[in-house]
């Protein structure tokens, strides 16, 4: 099947399109530091949004996969004046709505809404930064959870693989 033409509204975030793989580091005051692998895929179907899926897994000291970590999926929705809205769902019972701004190949997002099921962990806010640096997708994520203020949690460098 032929890929649909990209919607013109996607231009500011089109640099995200494709499949990305790489590794990163994580930690938080309530957990030990860790290394992780990640794959992210941004796709479109001709409509004015990107579909997004991210999967991470724990890596051992040799860089081998140990077990799955987090998965999230959602939609990135560009808005007028280089604004963007992102809706993410997690299988752990958390849904987030982010709002932010696109500046060249950098996107900064902050949670506008966080909703949790009764069994989800206590999570109240997130801040994400994505950027294209020398052709690689770099990102960092700060979160407020488990009684902690907004604190650095994860970051990674991903290479485009398709």
N, C-alpha and C. Protein backbone atom coordinates (compact mmCIF):
# COMPACT_ATOMS: atom_id res chain seq x y z
N UNK A 1 0.85 -1.18 0.00
CA UNK A 1 0.00 0.00 0.00
C UNK A 1 0.89 1.24 0.00
N UNK A 2 0.53 2.21 -0.79
CA UNK A 2 1.29 3.44 -0.92
C UNK A 2 1.09 4.32 0.30
N UNK A 3 2.19 4.93 0.79
CA UNK A 3 2.10 5.81 1.95
C UNK A 3 1.33 7.07 1.57
N UNK A 4 0.41 7.52 2.44
CA UNK A 4 -0.37 8.72 2.11
C UNK A 4 0.52 9.97 2.14
N UNK A 5 0.07 10.99 1.46
CA UNK A 5 0.78 12.26 1.49
C UNK A 5 0.69 12.84 2.89
N UNK A 6 1.80 13.40 3.36
CA UNK A 6 1.83 13.99 4.69
C UNK A 6 0.98 15.26 4.73
N UNK A 7 0.16 15.38 5.77
CA UNK A 7 -0.66 16.57 5.96
C UNK A 7 0.26 17.77 6.20
N UNK A 8 -0.06 18.91 5.59
CA UNK A 8 0.78 20.11 5.69
C UNK A 8 0.97 20.58 7.14
N UNK A 9 -0.01 20.36 8.02
CA UNK A 9 0.11 20.79 9.41
C UNK A 9 1.24 20.08 10.15
N UNK A 10 1.69 18.92 9.63
CA UNK A 10 2.74 18.15 10.29
C UNK A 10 4.15 18.70 10.07
N UNK A 11 4.30 19.66 9.16
CA UNK A 11 5.63 20.16 8.81
C UNK A 11 6.51 20.48 10.01
N UNK A 12 6.03 21.20 11.04
CA UNK A 12 6.93 21.54 12.16
C UNK A 12 7.46 20.34 12.94
N UNK A 13 6.74 19.20 12.91
CA UNK A 13 7.20 18.02 13.67
C UNK A 13 7.55 16.85 12.76
N UNK A 14 7.63 17.10 11.46
CA UNK A 14 7.93 16.03 10.50
C UNK A 14 9.30 15.40 10.74
N UNK A 15 10.22 16.12 11.37
CA UNK A 15 11.55 15.57 11.65
C UNK A 15 11.49 14.35 12.56
N UNK A 16 10.38 14.16 13.27
CA UNK A 16 10.22 13.01 14.16
C UNK A 16 9.87 11.72 13.40
N UNK A 17 9.33 11.83 12.20
CA UNK A 17 8.84 10.66 11.47
C UNK A 17 9.92 9.59 11.31
N UNK A 18 9.49 8.34 11.50
CA UNK A 18 10.38 7.20 11.31
C UNK A 18 10.49 6.36 12.56
N UNK A 19 11.38 5.38 12.47
CA UNK A 19 11.64 4.48 13.60
C UNK A 19 13.01 4.82 14.15
N UNK A 20 13.10 4.93 15.46
CA UNK A 20 14.31 5.33 16.15
C UNK A 20 14.67 4.26 17.17
N UNK A 21 15.96 3.97 17.32
CA UNK A 21 16.43 3.00 18.33
C UNK A 21 17.68 3.54 19.01
N UNK A 22 17.84 3.17 20.27
CA UNK A 22 19.03 3.60 20.99
C UNK A 22 18.98 3.17 22.43
N UNK A 23 19.74 3.89 23.24
CA UNK A 23 19.86 3.54 24.66
C UNK A 23 19.90 4.80 25.49
N UNK A 24 19.63 4.63 26.78
CA UNK A 24 19.63 5.76 27.68
C UNK A 24 19.87 5.34 29.10
N UNK A 25 19.75 6.33 29.98
CA UNK A 25 19.94 6.11 31.41
C UNK A 25 18.72 6.62 32.16
N UNK A 26 18.45 6.00 33.29
CA UNK A 26 17.33 6.42 34.11
C UNK A 26 17.66 6.33 35.58
N UNK A 27 16.83 6.96 36.36
CA UNK A 27 16.98 6.94 37.81
C UNK A 27 15.92 7.85 38.40
N UNK A 28 15.78 7.79 39.70
CA UNK A 28 14.82 8.62 40.40
C UNK A 28 15.12 8.46 41.88
N UNK A 29 14.75 9.42 42.71
CA UNK A 29 15.05 9.28 44.15
C UNK A 29 14.48 8.01 44.79
N UNK A 30 13.41 7.45 44.19
CA UNK A 30 12.77 6.28 44.79
C UNK A 30 13.23 4.95 44.18
N UNK A 31 14.14 4.99 43.17
CA UNK A 31 14.62 3.76 42.52
C UNK A 31 16.11 3.85 42.23
N UNK A 32 16.74 2.71 41.98
CA UNK A 32 18.15 2.69 41.60
C UNK A 32 18.31 3.15 40.15
N UNK A 33 19.49 3.67 39.83
CA UNK A 33 19.81 4.05 38.45
C UNK A 33 19.83 2.81 37.57
N UNK A 34 19.56 2.99 36.26
CA UNK A 34 19.51 1.86 35.35
C UNK A 34 19.84 2.33 33.93
N UNK A 35 20.21 1.37 33.10
CA UNK A 35 20.40 1.60 31.67
C UNK A 35 19.25 0.93 30.93
N UNK A 36 18.81 1.55 29.85
CA UNK A 36 17.69 0.98 29.11
C UNK A 36 17.91 1.12 27.61
N UNK A 37 17.27 0.23 26.86
CA UNK A 37 17.19 0.34 25.41
C UNK A 37 15.80 0.84 25.06
N UNK A 38 15.69 1.43 23.87
CA UNK A 38 14.40 2.00 23.50
C UNK A 38 14.21 1.95 21.99
N UNK A 39 12.97 1.80 21.58
CA UNK A 39 12.58 2.03 20.20
C UNK A 39 11.34 2.90 20.21
N UNK A 40 11.33 3.88 19.33
CA UNK A 40 10.21 4.80 19.17
C UNK A 40 9.83 4.80 17.69
N UNK A 41 8.54 4.84 17.42
CA UNK A 41 8.10 4.96 16.04
C UNK A 41 7.06 6.07 15.94
N UNK A 42 7.30 6.99 15.00
CA UNK A 42 6.36 8.05 14.66
C UNK A 42 5.89 7.78 13.24
N UNK A 43 4.57 7.67 13.05
CA UNK A 43 4.00 7.43 11.72
C UNK A 43 2.86 8.42 11.48
N UNK A 44 2.39 8.47 10.23
CA UNK A 44 1.22 9.29 9.91
C UNK A 44 0.36 8.55 8.90
N UNK A 45 -0.89 8.96 8.82
CA UNK A 45 -1.82 8.34 7.86
C UNK A 45 -2.45 9.37 6.93
N UNK A 46 -1.80 10.54 6.84
CA UNK A 46 -2.33 11.61 6.00
C UNK A 46 -3.19 12.61 6.76
N UNK A 47 -3.54 12.29 7.99
CA UNK A 47 -4.32 13.20 8.84
C UNK A 47 -3.36 14.14 9.58
N UNK A 48 -3.86 15.19 10.25
CA UNK A 48 -2.97 16.18 10.89
C UNK A 48 -2.48 15.77 12.28
N UNK A 49 -1.96 14.55 12.42
CA UNK A 49 -1.37 14.10 13.68
C UNK A 49 -0.35 13.01 13.37
N UNK A 50 0.58 12.81 14.29
CA UNK A 50 1.49 11.68 14.23
C UNK A 50 1.05 10.64 15.24
N UNK A 51 1.09 9.37 14.85
CA UNK A 51 0.90 8.27 15.80
C UNK A 51 2.26 7.96 16.40
N UNK A 52 2.27 7.60 17.68
CA UNK A 52 3.52 7.42 18.42
C UNK A 52 3.45 6.17 19.27
N UNK A 53 4.52 5.37 19.25
CA UNK A 53 4.64 4.22 20.13
C UNK A 53 6.09 4.19 20.63
N UNK A 54 6.26 3.99 21.93
CA UNK A 54 7.59 3.86 22.53
C UNK A 54 7.62 2.60 23.38
N UNK A 55 8.72 1.84 23.25
CA UNK A 55 8.94 0.65 24.09
C UNK A 55 10.35 0.74 24.66
N UNK A 56 10.48 0.42 25.95
CA UNK A 56 11.79 0.39 26.59
C UNK A 56 11.99 -0.94 27.28
N UNK A 57 13.26 -1.30 27.48
CA UNK A 57 13.61 -2.53 28.18
C UNK A 57 14.88 -2.28 28.98
N UNK A 58 14.99 -2.98 30.10
CA UNK A 58 16.16 -2.89 30.97
C UNK A 58 17.34 -3.55 30.29
N UNK A 59 18.50 -2.89 30.37
CA UNK A 59 19.74 -3.46 29.84
C UNK A 59 20.67 -3.82 30.99
N UNK A 60 21.38 -4.95 30.85
CA UNK A 60 22.39 -5.30 31.86
C UNK A 60 23.69 -4.55 31.55
N UNK A 61 24.74 -4.81 32.33
CA UNK A 61 26.01 -4.09 32.17
C UNK A 61 26.68 -4.36 30.82
N UNK A 62 26.32 -5.47 30.17
CA UNK A 62 26.87 -5.78 28.84
C UNK A 62 26.01 -5.23 27.71
N UNK A 63 24.89 -4.57 28.04
CA UNK A 63 24.01 -4.02 27.03
C UNK A 63 22.99 -5.00 26.50
N UNK A 64 22.84 -6.15 27.16
CA UNK A 64 21.86 -7.15 26.74
C UNK A 64 20.51 -6.88 27.40
N UNK A 65 19.43 -7.22 26.69
CA UNK A 65 18.09 -7.04 27.22
C UNK A 65 17.84 -7.97 28.40
N UNK A 66 17.27 -7.39 29.47
CA UNK A 66 16.93 -8.16 30.67
C UNK A 66 15.43 -8.43 30.73
N UNK A 67 14.62 -7.34 30.61
CA UNK A 67 13.16 -7.46 30.69
C UNK A 67 12.53 -6.17 30.17
N UNK A 68 11.26 -6.25 29.79
CA UNK A 68 10.58 -5.03 29.33
C UNK A 68 10.44 -4.03 30.48
N UNK A 69 10.45 -2.76 30.14
CA UNK A 69 10.17 -1.69 31.10
C UNK A 69 8.86 -1.01 30.69
N UNK A 70 8.91 0.22 30.27
CA UNK A 70 7.68 0.99 29.98
C UNK A 70 7.30 0.92 28.51
N UNK A 71 6.01 1.06 28.28
CA UNK A 71 5.44 1.21 26.95
C UNK A 71 4.47 2.38 27.03
N UNK A 72 4.45 3.19 25.97
CA UNK A 72 3.45 4.26 25.89
C UNK A 72 3.09 4.47 24.44
N UNK A 73 1.87 4.92 24.22
CA UNK A 73 1.43 5.20 22.86
C UNK A 73 0.52 6.41 22.88
N UNK A 74 0.40 7.03 21.70
CA UNK A 74 -0.46 8.19 21.64
C UNK A 74 -0.37 8.93 20.34
N UNK A 75 -0.68 10.22 20.41
CA UNK A 75 -0.78 11.06 19.23
C UNK A 75 -0.14 12.42 19.50
N UNK A 76 0.59 12.90 18.51
CA UNK A 76 1.20 14.22 18.54
C UNK A 76 0.42 15.09 17.55
N UNK A 77 -0.16 16.19 18.05
CA UNK A 77 -1.08 17.02 17.27
C UNK A 77 -0.56 18.45 17.15
N UNK A 78 0.06 18.79 16.01
CA UNK A 78 0.54 20.17 15.85
C UNK A 78 -0.62 21.15 15.82
N UNK A 79 -0.37 22.33 16.38
CA UNK A 79 -1.36 23.39 16.46
C UNK A 79 -0.80 24.66 15.81
N UNK A 80 -1.63 25.67 15.60
CA UNK A 80 -1.11 26.91 15.00
C UNK A 80 0.04 27.51 15.82
N UNK A 81 0.84 28.30 15.14
CA UNK A 81 1.95 29.03 15.76
C UNK A 81 2.95 28.12 16.43
N UNK A 82 3.21 26.97 15.80
CA UNK A 82 4.24 26.01 16.23
C UNK A 82 4.00 25.45 17.64
N UNK A 83 2.74 25.42 18.05
CA UNK A 83 2.37 24.77 19.30
C UNK A 83 2.08 23.30 19.00
N UNK A 84 2.12 22.45 20.03
CA UNK A 84 1.83 21.03 19.83
C UNK A 84 1.13 20.49 21.08
N UNK A 85 0.20 19.57 20.84
CA UNK A 85 -0.48 18.84 21.91
C UNK A 85 -0.14 17.37 21.75
N UNK A 86 0.14 16.70 22.86
CA UNK A 86 0.49 15.28 22.83
C UNK A 86 -0.41 14.56 23.84
N UNK A 87 -1.04 13.48 23.39
CA UNK A 87 -1.89 12.65 24.24
C UNK A 87 -1.21 11.28 24.34
N UNK A 88 -0.87 10.85 25.57
CA UNK A 88 -0.19 9.57 25.78
C UNK A 88 -0.98 8.70 26.74
N UNK A 89 -0.99 7.40 26.46
CA UNK A 89 -1.61 6.42 27.34
C UNK A 89 -0.57 5.38 27.72
N UNK A 90 -0.63 4.94 28.97
CA UNK A 90 0.30 3.95 29.50
C UNK A 90 -0.50 2.75 30.02
N UNK A 91 0.00 1.53 29.83
CA UNK A 91 -0.74 0.35 30.31
C UNK A 91 -0.78 0.26 31.83
N UNK A 92 -0.05 1.14 32.51
CA UNK A 92 -0.04 1.15 33.98
C UNK A 92 -1.19 1.97 34.56
N UNK A 93 -2.09 2.48 33.68
CA UNK A 93 -3.26 3.19 34.18
C UNK A 93 -3.11 4.70 34.20
N UNK A 94 -2.15 5.24 33.48
CA UNK A 94 -1.92 6.68 33.45
C UNK A 94 -2.17 7.20 32.04
N UNK A 95 -2.83 8.35 31.96
CA UNK A 95 -3.03 9.07 30.70
C UNK A 95 -2.52 10.49 30.92
N UNK A 96 -1.75 11.00 29.93
CA UNK A 96 -1.19 12.34 30.04
C UNK A 96 -1.57 13.16 28.81
N UNK A 97 -1.83 14.44 29.03
CA UNK A 97 -1.97 15.40 27.95
C UNK A 97 -0.88 16.44 28.15
N UNK A 98 -0.02 16.55 27.14
CA UNK A 98 1.07 17.53 27.17
C UNK A 98 0.74 18.67 26.22
N UNK A 99 1.23 19.85 26.54
CA UNK A 99 1.21 20.99 25.63
C UNK A 99 2.62 21.54 25.54
N UNK A 100 2.96 22.05 24.37
CA UNK A 100 4.30 22.57 24.23
C UNK A 100 4.49 23.34 22.95
N UNK A 101 5.77 23.57 22.66
CA UNK A 101 6.15 24.41 21.54
C UNK A 101 7.26 23.76 20.74
N UNK A 102 7.21 23.96 19.43
CA UNK A 102 8.24 23.48 18.53
C UNK A 102 9.09 24.68 18.12
N UNK A 103 10.39 24.59 18.36
CA UNK A 103 11.33 25.63 17.93
C UNK A 103 12.40 24.93 17.11
N UNK A 104 12.35 25.14 15.81
CA UNK A 104 13.23 24.45 14.86
C UNK A 104 13.08 22.94 15.07
N UNK A 105 14.15 22.25 15.48
CA UNK A 105 14.07 20.80 15.71
C UNK A 105 14.12 20.48 17.20
N UNK A 106 13.48 21.31 18.00
CA UNK A 106 13.39 21.09 19.45
C UNK A 106 11.93 21.23 19.86
N UNK A 107 11.49 20.30 20.71
CA UNK A 107 10.11 20.33 21.22
C UNK A 107 10.18 20.24 22.74
N UNK A 108 9.55 21.20 23.40
CA UNK A 108 9.47 21.17 24.86
C UNK A 108 8.01 21.01 25.26
N UNK A 109 7.73 20.03 26.12
CA UNK A 109 6.37 19.69 26.52
C UNK A 109 6.22 19.67 28.03
N UNK A 110 5.08 20.12 28.50
CA UNK A 110 4.72 20.03 29.93
C UNK A 110 3.31 19.46 30.04
N UNK A 111 3.09 18.66 31.08
CA UNK A 111 1.75 18.11 31.26
C UNK A 111 0.75 19.22 31.54
N UNK A 112 -0.39 19.09 30.90
CA UNK A 112 -1.53 19.96 31.15
C UNK A 112 -2.54 19.21 32.00
N UNK A 113 -2.66 17.89 31.72
CA UNK A 113 -3.59 17.03 32.46
C UNK A 113 -2.91 15.68 32.69
N UNK A 114 -3.07 15.14 33.89
CA UNK A 114 -2.66 13.77 34.21
C UNK A 114 -3.88 13.10 34.83
N UNK A 115 -4.25 11.93 34.31
CA UNK A 115 -5.35 11.15 34.88
C UNK A 115 -4.82 9.76 35.21
N UNK A 116 -5.28 9.22 36.33
CA UNK A 116 -4.81 7.90 36.78
C UNK A 116 -6.00 7.04 37.18
N UNK A 117 -5.84 5.74 36.94
CA UNK A 117 -6.81 4.80 37.49
C UNK A 117 -6.54 4.65 38.98
N UNK A 118 -7.45 4.03 39.69
CA UNK A 118 -7.27 3.88 41.14
C UNK A 118 -6.07 3.00 41.50
N UNK A 119 -5.63 2.14 40.57
CA UNK A 119 -4.51 1.25 40.86
C UNK A 119 -3.17 1.77 40.34
N UNK A 120 -3.17 2.90 39.64
CA UNK A 120 -1.93 3.46 39.09
C UNK A 120 -1.10 4.11 40.21
N UNK A 121 0.23 4.15 39.98
CA UNK A 121 1.08 4.81 40.96
C UNK A 121 0.78 6.31 40.98
N UNK A 122 1.15 6.95 42.07
CA UNK A 122 0.94 8.39 42.22
C UNK A 122 1.91 9.12 41.29
N UNK A 123 1.36 9.81 40.32
CA UNK A 123 2.13 10.55 39.32
C UNK A 123 1.37 11.84 39.06
N UNK A 124 2.05 13.00 39.15
CA UNK A 124 1.32 14.26 39.06
C UNK A 124 1.74 15.18 37.92
N UNK A 125 2.96 15.05 37.39
CA UNK A 125 3.39 15.98 36.34
C UNK A 125 4.59 15.43 35.58
N UNK A 126 4.72 15.90 34.33
CA UNK A 126 5.87 15.53 33.52
C UNK A 126 6.34 16.71 32.68
N UNK A 127 7.61 16.68 32.35
CA UNK A 127 8.25 17.67 31.47
C UNK A 127 9.14 16.89 30.53
N UNK A 128 8.98 17.09 29.23
CA UNK A 128 9.76 16.35 28.23
C UNK A 128 10.40 17.34 27.26
N UNK A 129 11.60 16.97 26.85
CA UNK A 129 12.35 17.75 25.87
C UNK A 129 12.84 16.78 24.81
N UNK A 130 12.52 17.06 23.54
CA UNK A 130 12.96 16.26 22.40
C UNK A 130 13.72 17.18 21.46
N UNK A 131 14.81 16.67 20.88
CA UNK A 131 15.54 17.48 19.93
C UNK A 131 16.35 16.65 18.96
N UNK A 132 16.51 17.17 17.77
CA UNK A 132 17.34 16.53 16.76
C UNK A 132 18.73 17.14 16.86
N UNK A 133 19.72 16.30 17.18
CA UNK A 133 21.10 16.76 17.35
C UNK A 133 21.99 15.89 16.47
N UNK A 134 22.60 16.50 15.47
CA UNK A 134 23.48 15.79 14.53
C UNK A 134 22.79 14.54 13.97
N UNK A 135 21.51 14.67 13.66
CA UNK A 135 20.75 13.58 13.05
C UNK A 135 20.19 12.57 14.02
N UNK A 136 20.52 12.67 15.30
CA UNK A 136 20.00 11.74 16.31
C UNK A 136 18.89 12.42 17.11
N UNK A 137 17.94 11.62 17.58
CA UNK A 137 16.86 12.12 18.42
C UNK A 137 17.30 11.99 19.87
N UNK A 138 17.44 13.12 20.52
CA UNK A 138 17.79 13.16 21.95
C UNK A 138 16.52 13.54 22.71
N UNK A 139 16.34 12.94 23.87
CA UNK A 139 15.19 13.34 24.67
C UNK A 139 15.52 13.20 26.16
N UNK A 140 14.80 13.97 26.97
CA UNK A 140 14.94 13.92 28.43
C UNK A 140 13.55 14.06 29.03
N UNK A 141 13.36 13.38 30.16
CA UNK A 141 12.04 13.35 30.80
C UNK A 141 12.22 13.56 32.30
N UNK A 142 11.54 14.56 32.82
CA UNK A 142 11.46 14.82 34.26
C UNK A 142 10.04 14.48 34.70
N UNK A 143 9.90 13.93 35.90
CA UNK A 143 8.56 13.62 36.39
C UNK A 143 8.41 13.97 37.86
N UNK A 144 7.18 14.19 38.26
CA UNK A 144 6.81 14.37 39.66
C UNK A 144 5.92 13.18 40.02
N UNK A 145 6.44 12.33 40.93
CA UNK A 145 5.70 11.12 41.29
C UNK A 145 6.13 10.65 42.68
N UNK A 146 5.29 9.80 43.26
CA UNK A 146 5.61 9.19 44.55
C UNK A 146 6.07 10.22 45.59
N UNK A 147 5.42 11.41 45.60
CA UNK A 147 5.73 12.45 46.57
C UNK A 147 6.96 13.27 46.24
N UNK A 148 7.61 13.01 45.12
CA UNK A 148 8.81 13.76 44.72
C UNK A 148 8.41 14.95 43.83
N UNK A 149 9.17 16.05 43.90
CA UNK A 149 8.91 17.16 42.98
C UNK A 149 9.41 16.78 41.57
N UNK A 150 9.16 17.64 40.59
CA UNK A 150 9.63 17.41 39.24
C UNK A 150 11.15 17.20 39.27
N UNK A 151 11.56 15.98 38.89
CA UNK A 151 12.95 15.54 39.01
C UNK A 151 13.34 14.76 37.77
N UNK A 152 14.59 14.89 37.36
CA UNK A 152 15.10 14.14 36.21
C UNK A 152 14.85 12.65 36.40
N UNK A 153 14.34 11.98 35.34
CA UNK A 153 14.03 10.56 35.43
C UNK A 153 14.73 9.74 34.35
N UNK A 154 14.63 10.15 33.08
CA UNK A 154 15.21 9.36 31.99
C UNK A 154 15.71 10.29 30.89
N UNK A 155 16.71 9.79 30.13
CA UNK A 155 17.15 10.47 28.92
C UNK A 155 17.78 9.44 28.01
N UNK A 156 17.76 9.73 26.70
CA UNK A 156 18.29 8.77 25.74
C UNK A 156 18.74 9.47 24.47
N UNK A 157 19.54 8.75 23.70
CA UNK A 157 19.94 9.16 22.36
C UNK A 157 19.56 8.04 21.41
N UNK A 158 18.77 8.37 20.39
CA UNK A 158 18.23 7.38 19.46
C UNK A 158 18.68 7.71 18.03
N UNK A 159 18.97 6.67 17.28
CA UNK A 159 19.34 6.82 15.87
C UNK A 159 18.17 6.38 15.00
N UNK A 160 17.98 7.10 13.89
CA UNK A 160 16.91 6.74 12.96
C UNK A 160 17.31 5.45 12.25
N UNK A 161 16.41 4.46 12.27
CA UNK A 161 16.68 3.16 11.62
C UNK A 161 15.79 2.94 10.40
N UNK A 162 14.75 3.73 10.24
CA UNK A 162 13.92 3.69 9.03
C UNK A 162 13.02 4.89 8.99
